[in-house]
Amino acid sequence: MTQYEELPLFPLTAHVLPEGRLRLRIFEPRYTRLVKRCMSEQSDFVICMFDPNQSKETENYILPFGTAVQIIDFEMLDDGFLGITVEGKDRVHIHDHHVESDGLNLGHVERLPAWPNKALSSDKIVLKERLEEIFQVYPELANLYQDERFDELSWLCQRWLEILPLDVHAKQQLIKADNPLEVSEYLLQLVS
């Protein structure tokens, strides 16, 4: 039988995948509550995507695939708001969700299996080379990682999915893939 967890949802236009990192600025009371809850319970929350074509009041506003994340760092920002850094743990399937009185979404989620680690083959080396170039041009991305694994296909594909400005529905299809091979074929068409 499938195991579901109830976790808070944080819908964004940006996305993070397992082993990825993302900095967030927290200023809404509902997300301050989310952070307090996750810090006190040492629990995860889900970074998910929203459909820009749907009203926030509709069931389909939150798209079904996201990533369970944990808070790995926090700081007070110059503007007085809270800054947090999260790290992706598991891809999740959000089966349903509801909204609490302060507007915080909670979802029943199923954790999906991790993509298998595969060594980077020579026909996909361009994915590594282009991402290394991006990390050099945007050091704020590179600075998020102490352990860059450009030779692992799953790590590489997940970083590409985080930074590419893809249509949300296309990104959802790629996130729910069972392994990085089909994702890498799609990515090769874009970056070659």
N, C-alpha and C. Protein backbone atom coordinates (compact mmCIF):
# COMPACT_ATOMS: atom_id res chain seq x y z
N MET A 1 0.85 -1.19 0.00
CA MET A 1 0.00 0.00 0.00
C MET A 1 0.89 1.25 0.00
N THR A 2 0.48 2.24 -0.77
CA THR A 2 1.26 3.47 -0.90
C THR A 2 1.22 4.27 0.40
N GLN A 3 2.40 4.80 0.79
CA GLN A 3 2.51 5.63 1.99
C GLN A 3 2.36 7.10 1.60
N TYR A 4 1.45 7.80 2.25
CA TYR A 4 1.29 9.23 2.03
C TYR A 4 1.69 9.97 3.30
N GLU A 5 2.30 11.13 3.12
CA GLU A 5 2.62 12.02 4.23
C GLU A 5 1.89 13.32 3.99
N GLU A 6 1.53 13.98 5.07
CA GLU A 6 0.97 15.32 4.92
C GLU A 6 2.09 16.32 5.18
N LEU A 7 2.44 17.09 4.15
CA LEU A 7 3.52 18.06 4.25
C LEU A 7 3.06 19.42 3.74
N PRO A 8 3.61 20.50 4.31
CA PRO A 8 3.29 21.84 3.80
C PRO A 8 3.83 22.00 2.38
N LEU A 9 3.11 22.78 1.58
CA LEU A 9 3.49 23.03 0.19
C LEU A 9 3.90 24.49 0.03
N PHE A 10 4.94 24.70 -0.77
CA PHE A 10 5.44 26.05 -1.04
C PHE A 10 5.47 26.20 -2.56
N PRO A 11 4.39 26.71 -3.18
CA PRO A 11 4.36 26.85 -4.64
C PRO A 11 5.23 28.01 -5.10
N LEU A 12 6.04 27.75 -6.13
CA LEU A 12 6.96 28.75 -6.67
C LEU A 12 7.02 28.64 -8.19
N THR A 13 7.58 29.67 -8.81
CA THR A 13 7.91 29.56 -10.23
C THR A 13 9.26 28.88 -10.39
N ALA A 14 10.16 29.03 -9.40
CA ALA A 14 11.46 28.35 -9.40
C ALA A 14 11.25 26.93 -8.89
N HIS A 15 12.21 26.06 -9.18
CA HIS A 15 12.09 24.69 -8.67
C HIS A 15 13.45 24.17 -8.27
N VAL A 16 13.43 23.18 -7.39
CA VAL A 16 14.63 22.50 -6.93
C VAL A 16 14.34 21.01 -6.97
N LEU A 17 15.36 20.23 -7.23
CA LEU A 17 15.22 18.77 -7.31
C LEU A 17 16.17 18.14 -6.30
N PRO A 18 16.10 16.81 -6.12
CA PRO A 18 16.98 16.18 -5.14
C PRO A 18 18.45 16.57 -5.33
N GLU A 19 19.08 16.86 -4.21
CA GLU A 19 20.48 17.29 -4.12
C GLU A 19 20.72 18.71 -4.63
N GLY A 20 19.65 19.37 -5.06
CA GLY A 20 19.76 20.76 -5.46
C GLY A 20 19.55 21.67 -4.27
N ARG A 21 19.97 22.91 -4.43
CA ARG A 21 19.82 23.89 -3.35
C ARG A 21 19.18 25.16 -3.89
N LEU A 22 18.42 25.82 -3.01
CA LEU A 22 17.69 27.01 -3.39
C LEU A 22 17.62 27.93 -2.17
N ARG A 23 17.85 29.22 -2.42
CA ARG A 23 17.71 30.22 -1.35
C ARG A 23 16.33 30.87 -1.49
N LEU A 24 15.65 31.03 -0.36
CA LEU A 24 14.32 31.61 -0.34
C LEU A 24 14.26 32.77 0.65
N ARG A 25 13.46 33.75 0.34
CA ARG A 25 13.21 34.90 1.22
C ARG A 25 11.80 34.72 1.77
N ILE A 26 11.70 34.62 3.09
CA ILE A 26 10.41 34.33 3.73
C ILE A 26 9.86 35.61 4.34
N PHE A 27 8.66 36.01 3.90
CA PHE A 27 8.07 37.22 4.45
C PHE A 27 6.58 37.08 4.74
N GLU A 28 5.90 36.12 4.14
CA GLU A 28 4.47 35.95 4.41
C GLU A 28 4.28 35.15 5.70
N PRO A 29 3.31 35.54 6.53
CA PRO A 29 3.09 34.83 7.80
C PRO A 29 2.89 33.32 7.65
N ARG A 30 2.19 32.90 6.59
CA ARG A 30 1.96 31.46 6.43
C ARG A 30 3.27 30.71 6.21
N TYR A 31 4.23 31.34 5.51
CA TYR A 31 5.50 30.65 5.26
C TYR A 31 6.45 30.79 6.45
N THR A 32 6.27 31.83 7.25
CA THR A 32 7.00 31.91 8.51
C THR A 32 6.55 30.75 9.41
N ARG A 33 5.25 30.49 9.42
CA ARG A 33 4.72 29.35 10.20
C ARG A 33 5.26 28.03 9.66
N LEU A 34 5.31 27.90 8.34
CA LEU A 34 5.86 26.69 7.72
C LEU A 34 7.30 26.46 8.19
N VAL A 35 8.12 27.52 8.18
CA VAL A 35 9.52 27.39 8.59
C VAL A 35 9.62 27.00 10.05
N LYS A 36 8.83 27.65 10.90
CA LYS A 36 8.85 27.32 12.34
C LYS A 36 8.48 25.86 12.56
N ARG A 37 7.45 25.43 11.87
CA ARG A 37 6.99 24.03 12.00
C ARG A 37 8.09 23.07 11.58
N CYS A 38 8.69 23.32 10.43
CA CYS A 38 9.72 22.41 9.91
C CYS A 38 10.97 22.41 10.78
N MET A 39 11.32 23.57 11.32
CA MET A 39 12.51 23.65 12.19
C MET A 39 12.25 22.93 13.51
N SER A 40 11.07 23.13 14.10
CA SER A 40 10.79 22.53 15.41
C SER A 40 10.59 21.02 15.30
N GLU A 41 9.99 20.56 14.21
CA GLU A 41 9.73 19.13 14.04
C GLU A 41 10.82 18.43 13.24
N GLN A 42 11.80 19.21 12.76
CA GLN A 42 12.84 18.69 11.87
C GLN A 42 12.21 17.90 10.72
N SER A 43 11.22 18.52 10.11
CA SER A 43 10.49 17.86 9.02
C SER A 43 10.70 18.60 7.71
N ASP A 44 10.26 17.97 6.66
CA ASP A 44 10.39 18.52 5.30
C ASP A 44 9.16 19.35 4.94
N PHE A 45 9.32 20.13 3.88
CA PHE A 45 8.17 20.70 3.20
C PHE A 45 8.42 20.49 1.70
N VAL A 46 7.43 20.82 0.89
CA VAL A 46 7.50 20.52 -0.54
C VAL A 46 7.55 21.82 -1.34
N ILE A 47 8.61 21.94 -2.15
CA ILE A 47 8.65 23.00 -3.16
C ILE A 47 7.91 22.43 -4.37
N CYS A 48 6.87 23.12 -4.77
CA CYS A 48 6.08 22.64 -5.90
C CYS A 48 5.86 23.78 -6.89
N MET A 49 5.30 23.46 -8.00
CA MET A 49 5.07 24.43 -9.06
C MET A 49 3.58 24.72 -9.15
N PHE A 50 3.26 25.94 -9.56
CA PHE A 50 1.86 26.26 -9.79
C PHE A 50 1.64 26.50 -11.28
N ASP A 51 0.40 26.27 -11.67
CA ASP A 51 0.02 26.45 -13.06
C ASP A 51 -0.40 27.91 -13.25
N PRO A 52 0.37 28.71 -14.00
CA PRO A 52 0.03 30.12 -14.16
C PRO A 52 -1.28 30.36 -14.91
N ASN A 53 -1.80 29.31 -15.54
CA ASN A 53 -3.06 29.44 -16.28
C ASN A 53 -4.29 29.14 -15.43
N GLN A 54 -4.07 28.75 -14.16
CA GLN A 54 -5.18 28.38 -13.29
C GLN A 54 -5.34 29.41 -12.17
N SER A 55 -6.55 29.62 -11.74
CA SER A 55 -6.81 30.49 -10.60
C SER A 55 -6.35 29.79 -9.32
N LYS A 56 -5.89 30.56 -8.33
CA LYS A 56 -5.44 29.98 -7.06
C LYS A 56 -6.57 29.24 -6.34
N GLU A 57 -7.79 29.48 -6.72
CA GLU A 57 -8.93 28.84 -6.06
C GLU A 57 -9.25 27.47 -6.66
N THR A 58 -8.62 27.10 -7.76
CA THR A 58 -8.95 25.82 -8.40
C THR A 58 -8.08 24.69 -7.86
N GLU A 59 -8.59 23.48 -7.99
CA GLU A 59 -7.90 22.27 -7.54
C GLU A 59 -6.59 22.07 -8.31
N ASN A 60 -6.57 22.48 -9.59
CA ASN A 60 -5.41 22.24 -10.44
C ASN A 60 -4.35 23.33 -10.36
N TYR A 61 -4.50 24.28 -9.46
CA TYR A 61 -3.54 25.38 -9.32
C TYR A 61 -2.14 24.84 -8.99
N ILE A 62 -2.08 23.88 -8.08
CA ILE A 62 -0.79 23.27 -7.72
C ILE A 62 -0.60 22.03 -8.57
N LEU A 63 0.53 21.99 -9.28
CA LEU A 63 0.83 20.86 -10.16
C LEU A 63 1.30 19.67 -9.33
N PRO A 64 1.13 18.44 -9.85
CA PRO A 64 1.26 17.24 -9.01
C PRO A 64 2.68 16.77 -8.64
N PHE A 65 3.72 17.29 -9.28
CA PHE A 65 5.06 16.78 -8.97
C PHE A 65 5.94 17.89 -8.40
N GLY A 66 6.56 17.60 -7.28
CA GLY A 66 7.42 18.56 -6.60
C GLY A 66 8.57 17.85 -5.92
N THR A 67 9.20 18.55 -4.99
CA THR A 67 10.36 18.00 -4.29
C THR A 67 10.26 18.29 -2.80
N ALA A 68 10.38 17.24 -1.99
CA ALA A 68 10.48 17.42 -0.55
C ALA A 68 11.87 17.99 -0.26
N VAL A 69 11.89 19.05 0.54
CA VAL A 69 13.15 19.73 0.86
C VAL A 69 13.30 19.85 2.36
N GLN A 70 14.55 20.04 2.78
CA GLN A 70 14.80 20.34 4.18
C GLN A 70 15.59 21.64 4.27
N ILE A 71 15.37 22.36 5.35
CA ILE A 71 16.09 23.61 5.58
C ILE A 71 17.49 23.28 6.08
N ILE A 72 18.51 23.78 5.38
CA ILE A 72 19.88 23.50 5.80
C ILE A 72 20.60 24.72 6.35
N ASP A 73 20.01 25.91 6.15
CA ASP A 73 20.63 27.12 6.68
C ASP A 73 19.58 28.23 6.72
N PHE A 74 19.80 29.21 7.61
CA PHE A 74 18.90 30.35 7.66
C PHE A 74 19.69 31.57 8.15
N GLU A 75 19.15 32.75 7.83
CA GLU A 75 19.80 34.00 8.23
C GLU A 75 18.77 35.12 8.20
N MET A 76 19.04 36.18 8.96
CA MET A 76 18.23 37.39 8.87
C MET A 76 18.79 38.23 7.72
N LEU A 77 17.93 38.65 6.83
CA LEU A 77 18.37 39.42 5.67
C LEU A 77 18.41 40.91 6.02
N ASP A 78 19.08 41.70 5.19
CA ASP A 78 19.21 43.14 5.42
C ASP A 78 17.86 43.85 5.52
N ASP A 79 16.84 43.30 4.85
CA ASP A 79 15.51 43.93 4.89
C ASP A 79 14.68 43.49 6.10
N GLY A 80 15.29 42.68 6.98
CA GLY A 80 14.60 42.23 8.18
C GLY A 80 13.82 40.94 8.02
N PHE A 81 13.74 40.43 6.79
CA PHE A 81 13.04 39.17 6.57
C PHE A 81 13.99 37.99 6.77
N LEU A 82 13.41 36.80 6.82
CA LEU A 82 14.17 35.58 7.03
C LEU A 82 14.62 35.02 5.68
N GLY A 83 15.88 34.67 5.59
CA GLY A 83 16.38 33.96 4.41
C GLY A 83 16.68 32.53 4.80
N ILE A 84 16.24 31.57 3.98
CA ILE A 84 16.56 30.17 4.25
C ILE A 84 17.18 29.56 2.99
N THR A 85 17.99 28.54 3.21
CA THR A 85 18.52 27.72 2.12
C THR A 85 17.96 26.33 2.31
N VAL A 86 17.38 25.78 1.25
CA VAL A 86 16.82 24.42 1.31
C VAL A 86 17.60 23.51 0.38
N GLU A 87 17.56 22.22 0.71
CA GLU A 87 18.18 21.20 -0.13
C GLU A 87 17.14 20.15 -0.47
N GLY A 88 17.06 19.81 -1.76
CA GLY A 88 16.10 18.81 -2.21
C GLY A 88 16.47 17.42 -1.72
N LYS A 89 15.45 16.68 -1.26
CA LYS A 89 15.67 15.32 -0.77
C LYS A 89 15.06 14.28 -1.72
N ASP A 90 13.75 14.40 -1.96
CA ASP A 90 13.04 13.39 -2.75
C ASP A 90 12.05 14.05 -3.69
N ARG A 91 11.93 13.50 -4.89
CA ARG A 91 10.82 13.89 -5.75
C ARG A 91 9.55 13.35 -5.11
N VAL A 92 8.46 14.10 -5.23
CA VAL A 92 7.19 13.65 -4.65
C VAL A 92 6.06 13.82 -5.65
N HIS A 93 5.04 13.00 -5.45
CA HIS A 93 3.78 13.13 -6.19
C HIS A 93 2.76 13.65 -5.19
N ILE A 94 2.19 14.82 -5.47
CA ILE A 94 1.18 15.42 -4.61
C ILE A 94 -0.18 14.90 -5.07
N HIS A 95 -0.82 14.10 -4.24
CA HIS A 95 -2.08 13.48 -4.64
C HIS A 95 -3.28 14.39 -4.42
N ASP A 96 -3.25 15.15 -3.36
CA ASP A 96 -4.30 16.14 -3.12
C ASP A 96 -3.78 17.15 -2.12
N HIS A 97 -4.50 18.25 -1.98
CA HIS A 97 -4.07 19.28 -1.04
C HIS A 97 -5.27 20.07 -0.56
N HIS A 98 -5.06 20.75 0.56
CA HIS A 98 -6.09 21.64 1.09
C HIS A 98 -5.41 22.88 1.64
N VAL A 99 -6.21 23.93 1.81
CA VAL A 99 -5.67 25.21 2.25
C VAL A 99 -6.15 25.49 3.67
N GLU A 100 -5.21 25.83 4.55
CA GLU A 100 -5.56 26.18 5.92
C GLU A 100 -6.01 27.64 5.99
N SER A 101 -6.52 28.06 7.13
CA SER A 101 -7.14 29.38 7.26
C SER A 101 -6.19 30.54 6.93
N ASP A 102 -4.88 30.36 7.16
CA ASP A 102 -3.94 31.44 6.86
C ASP A 102 -3.40 31.37 5.43
N GLY A 103 -3.92 30.42 4.63
CA GLY A 103 -3.51 30.32 3.23
C GLY A 103 -2.41 29.30 2.97
N LEU A 104 -1.89 28.64 4.03
CA LEU A 104 -0.86 27.64 3.83
C LEU A 104 -1.48 26.37 3.25
N ASN A 105 -0.88 25.88 2.16
CA ASN A 105 -1.34 24.64 1.54
C ASN A 105 -0.66 23.46 2.21
N LEU A 106 -1.44 22.40 2.47
CA LEU A 106 -0.91 21.13 2.95
C LEU A 106 -1.31 20.07 1.94
N GLY A 107 -0.38 19.17 1.63
CA GLY A 107 -0.67 18.15 0.64
C GLY A 107 -0.38 16.76 1.14
N HIS A 108 -1.10 15.80 0.59
CA HIS A 108 -0.80 14.39 0.83
C HIS A 108 0.13 13.96 -0.29
N VAL A 109 1.35 13.62 0.10
CA VAL A 109 2.38 13.36 -0.90
C VAL A 109 2.94 11.95 -0.76
N GLU A 110 3.39 11.45 -1.89
CA GLU A 110 4.05 10.15 -1.98
C GLU A 110 5.47 10.40 -2.46
N ARG A 111 6.44 9.89 -1.73
CA ARG A 111 7.84 10.04 -2.15
C ARG A 111 8.12 9.05 -3.29
N LEU A 112 8.79 9.54 -4.31
CA LEU A 112 9.11 8.73 -5.49
C LEU A 112 10.54 8.21 -5.38
N PRO A 113 10.83 7.09 -6.03
CA PRO A 113 12.20 6.55 -5.98
C PRO A 113 13.20 7.53 -6.59
N ALA A 114 14.40 7.53 -6.03
CA ALA A 114 15.47 8.37 -6.57
C ALA A 114 15.88 7.86 -7.95
N TRP A 115 16.32 8.77 -8.80
CA TRP A 115 16.87 8.35 -10.08
C TRP A 115 18.15 7.57 -9.82
N PRO A 116 18.38 6.50 -10.58
CA PRO A 116 19.62 5.74 -10.38
C PRO A 116 20.83 6.58 -10.80
N ASN A 117 21.92 6.41 -10.07
CA ASN A 117 23.16 7.10 -10.43
C ASN A 117 23.76 6.42 -11.65
N LYS A 118 24.02 7.19 -12.66
CA LYS A 118 24.64 6.67 -13.88
C LYS A 118 25.82 7.56 -14.22
N ALA A 119 26.89 6.93 -14.64
CA ALA A 119 28.05 7.71 -15.07
C ALA A 119 27.71 8.42 -16.37
N LEU A 120 28.34 9.55 -16.57
CA LEU A 120 28.11 10.33 -17.78
C LEU A 120 28.80 9.68 -18.96
N SER A 121 28.04 9.37 -20.00
CA SER A 121 28.62 8.76 -21.20
C SER A 121 29.15 9.85 -22.13
N SER A 122 30.02 9.47 -23.03
CA SER A 122 30.70 10.44 -23.90
C SER A 122 29.72 11.19 -24.81
N ASP A 123 28.59 10.57 -25.17
CA ASP A 123 27.63 11.25 -26.05
C ASP A 123 26.84 12.35 -25.31
N LYS A 124 26.99 12.40 -23.99
CA LYS A 124 26.27 13.41 -23.21
C LYS A 124 27.21 14.41 -22.55
N ILE A 125 28.47 14.40 -22.94
CA ILE A 125 29.48 15.26 -22.31
C ILE A 125 29.17 16.74 -22.47
N VAL A 126 28.43 17.09 -23.52
CA VAL A 126 28.07 18.49 -23.75
C VAL A 126 27.21 19.03 -22.60
N LEU A 127 26.41 18.18 -21.96
CA LEU A 127 25.61 18.60 -20.82
C LEU A 127 26.51 19.07 -19.67
N LYS A 128 27.57 18.34 -19.46
CA LYS A 128 28.55 18.70 -18.43
C LYS A 128 29.26 20.00 -18.79
N GLU A 129 29.75 20.08 -20.01
CA GLU A 129 30.53 21.25 -20.42
C GLU A 129 29.70 22.53 -20.34
N ARG A 130 28.46 22.49 -20.80
CA ARG A 130 27.61 23.68 -20.78
C ARG A 130 27.24 24.09 -19.35
N LEU A 131 26.99 23.11 -18.50
CA LEU A 131 26.64 23.45 -17.12
C LEU A 131 27.85 24.02 -16.38
N GLU A 132 29.02 23.49 -16.64
CA GLU A 132 30.23 24.06 -16.04
C GLU A 132 30.40 25.52 -16.46
N GLU A 133 30.11 25.82 -17.73
CA GLU A 133 30.19 27.20 -18.22
C GLU A 133 29.19 28.09 -17.48
N ILE A 134 27.99 27.59 -17.28
CA ILE A 134 26.96 28.37 -16.58
C ILE A 134 27.39 28.63 -15.14
N PHE A 135 27.95 27.64 -14.49
CA PHE A 135 28.40 27.81 -13.11
C PHE A 135 29.54 28.83 -13.03
N GLN A 136 30.34 28.92 -14.07
CA GLN A 136 31.42 29.93 -14.07
C GLN A 136 30.85 31.34 -14.26
N VAL A 137 29.86 31.46 -15.13
CA VAL A 137 29.25 32.77 -15.40
C VAL A 137 28.38 33.23 -14.23
N TYR A 138 27.74 32.29 -13.55
CA TYR A 138 26.85 32.60 -12.42
C TYR A 138 27.39 31.95 -11.15
N PRO A 139 28.39 32.57 -10.52
CA PRO A 139 28.99 31.96 -9.33
C PRO A 139 28.00 31.78 -8.18
N GLU A 140 26.90 32.56 -8.17
CA GLU A 140 25.90 32.37 -7.12
C GLU A 140 25.27 30.98 -7.19
N LEU A 141 25.23 30.38 -8.38
CA LEU A 141 24.77 29.00 -8.52
C LEU A 141 25.83 28.04 -7.99
N ALA A 142 27.05 28.22 -8.45
CA ALA A 142 28.15 27.34 -8.04
C ALA A 142 28.37 27.40 -6.54
N ASN A 143 28.17 28.57 -5.93
CA ASN A 143 28.41 28.73 -4.50
C ASN A 143 27.43 27.94 -3.63
N LEU A 144 26.34 27.50 -4.21
CA LEU A 144 25.38 26.70 -3.45
C LEU A 144 25.91 25.29 -3.17
N TYR A 145 26.91 24.86 -3.92
CA TYR A 145 27.37 23.47 -3.85
C TYR A 145 28.83 23.37 -3.41
N GLN A 146 29.08 22.50 -2.42
CA GLN A 146 30.46 22.15 -2.10
C GLN A 146 30.88 20.92 -2.89
N ASP A 147 29.90 20.15 -3.32
CA ASP A 147 30.16 18.87 -3.98
C ASP A 147 29.46 18.84 -5.34
N GLU A 148 30.13 19.36 -6.36
CA GLU A 148 29.56 19.33 -7.71
C GLU A 148 29.89 17.97 -8.33
N ARG A 149 28.86 17.32 -8.88
CA ARG A 149 29.07 15.98 -9.44
C ARG A 149 28.71 15.99 -10.93
N PHE A 150 29.49 16.73 -11.69
CA PHE A 150 29.23 16.89 -13.12
C PHE A 150 29.33 15.58 -13.90
N ASP A 151 29.95 14.56 -13.33
CA ASP A 151 30.10 13.29 -14.04
C ASP A 151 28.98 12.29 -13.74
N GLU A 152 28.01 12.69 -12.92
CA GLU A 152 26.84 11.85 -12.62
C GLU A 152 25.65 12.37 -13.40
N LEU A 153 25.08 11.51 -14.23
CA LEU A 153 23.99 11.93 -15.10
C LEU A 153 22.77 12.43 -14.33
N SER A 154 22.39 11.75 -13.25
CA SER A 154 21.19 12.20 -12.52
C SER A 154 21.41 13.58 -11.90
N TRP A 155 22.58 13.82 -11.29
CA TRP A 155 22.87 15.11 -10.68
C TRP A 155 22.86 16.20 -11.76
N LEU A 156 23.48 15.91 -12.88
CA LEU A 156 23.58 16.86 -13.98
C LEU A 156 22.19 17.21 -14.54
N CYS A 157 21.38 16.20 -14.81
CA CYS A 157 20.03 16.45 -15.36
C CYS A 157 19.16 17.24 -14.39
N GLN A 158 19.28 16.93 -13.11
CA GLN A 158 18.47 17.64 -12.12
C GLN A 158 18.86 19.10 -12.04
N ARG A 159 20.15 19.41 -12.15
CA ARG A 159 20.57 20.82 -12.12
C ARG A 159 20.06 21.54 -13.37
N TRP A 160 20.09 20.88 -14.53
CA TRP A 160 19.58 21.49 -15.75
C TRP A 160 18.08 21.80 -15.62
N LEU A 161 17.32 20.84 -15.06
CA LEU A 161 15.87 21.07 -14.92
C LEU A 161 15.57 22.23 -13.98
N GLU A 162 16.46 22.48 -13.02
CA GLU A 162 16.25 23.60 -12.11
C GLU A 162 16.44 24.95 -12.80
N ILE A 163 17.38 25.03 -13.72
CA ILE A 163 17.73 26.35 -14.27
C ILE A 163 17.10 26.65 -15.63
N LEU A 164 16.70 25.63 -16.38
CA LEU A 164 16.12 25.90 -17.70
C LEU A 164 14.73 26.51 -17.59
N PRO A 165 14.45 27.55 -18.38
CA PRO A 165 13.12 28.18 -18.35
C PRO A 165 12.14 27.42 -19.24
N LEU A 166 11.73 26.25 -18.78
CA LEU A 166 10.81 25.41 -19.54
C LEU A 166 9.37 25.71 -19.15
N ASP A 167 8.45 25.41 -20.05
CA ASP A 167 7.03 25.45 -19.73
C ASP A 167 6.78 24.53 -18.53
N VAL A 168 5.93 24.96 -17.60
CA VAL A 168 5.72 24.19 -16.37
C VAL A 168 5.23 22.77 -16.64
N HIS A 169 4.42 22.59 -17.67
CA HIS A 169 3.90 21.25 -17.96
C HIS A 169 4.99 20.36 -18.54
N ALA A 170 5.87 20.92 -19.37
CA ALA A 170 7.00 20.15 -19.88
C ALA A 170 7.92 19.76 -18.72
N LYS A 171 8.16 20.71 -17.82
CA LYS A 171 9.03 20.43 -16.67
C LYS A 171 8.42 19.34 -15.79
N GLN A 172 7.10 19.38 -15.61
CA GLN A 172 6.43 18.34 -14.82
C GLN A 172 6.65 16.95 -15.43
N GLN A 173 6.53 16.85 -16.75
CA GLN A 173 6.73 15.56 -17.42
C GLN A 173 8.15 15.04 -17.19
N LEU A 174 9.13 15.94 -17.23
CA LEU A 174 10.51 15.53 -17.03
C LEU A 174 10.78 15.16 -15.58
N ILE A 175 10.22 15.90 -14.65
CA ILE A 175 10.43 15.62 -13.22
C ILE A 175 9.88 14.25 -12.84
N LYS A 176 8.76 13.87 -13.45
CA LYS A 176 8.14 12.59 -13.06
C LYS A 176 8.78 11.38 -13.77
N ALA A 177 9.74 11.61 -14.64
CA ALA A 177 10.42 10.51 -15.34
C ALA A 177 11.05 9.54 -14.33
N ASP A 178 11.14 8.28 -14.72
CA ASP A 178 11.68 7.25 -13.83
C ASP A 178 13.20 7.24 -13.75
N ASN A 179 13.85 7.82 -14.76
CA ASN A 179 15.32 7.81 -14.76
C ASN A 179 15.83 8.99 -15.58
N PRO A 180 17.12 9.30 -15.42
CA PRO A 180 17.66 10.48 -16.10
C PRO A 180 17.95 10.29 -17.59
N LEU A 181 17.89 9.07 -18.10
CA LEU A 181 18.25 8.84 -19.50
C LEU A 181 17.30 9.56 -20.45
N GLU A 182 15.99 9.41 -20.22
CA GLU A 182 15.03 10.08 -21.13
C GLU A 182 15.12 11.59 -20.97
N VAL A 183 15.39 12.06 -19.74
CA VAL A 183 15.55 13.49 -19.50
C VAL A 183 16.77 14.02 -20.24
N SER A 184 17.86 13.25 -20.19
CA SER A 184 19.09 13.70 -20.85
C SER A 184 18.91 13.82 -22.36
N GLU A 185 18.12 12.95 -22.95
CA GLU A 185 17.87 13.03 -24.40
C GLU A 185 17.13 14.33 -24.74
N TYR A 186 16.17 14.69 -23.91
CA TYR A 186 15.44 15.94 -24.10
C TYR A 186 16.39 17.13 -23.94
N LEU A 187 17.20 17.10 -22.90
CA LEU A 187 18.13 18.19 -22.63
C LEU A 187 19.15 18.37 -23.74
N LEU A 188 19.61 17.27 -24.30
CA LEU A 188 20.59 17.34 -25.39
C LEU A 188 20.05 18.13 -26.58
N GLN A 189 18.77 17.99 -26.85
CA GLN A 189 18.16 18.73 -27.96
C GLN A 189 18.20 20.24 -27.70
N LEU A 190 18.17 20.62 -26.43
CA LEU A 190 18.14 22.04 -26.08
C LEU A 190 19.52 22.68 -26.00
N VAL A 191 20.51 21.93 -25.53
CA VAL A 191 21.81 22.56 -25.25
C VAL A 191 22.90 22.22 -26.27
N SER A 192 22.64 21.30 -27.17
CA SER A 192 23.67 20.92 -28.16
C SER A 192 23.81 21.98 -29.23
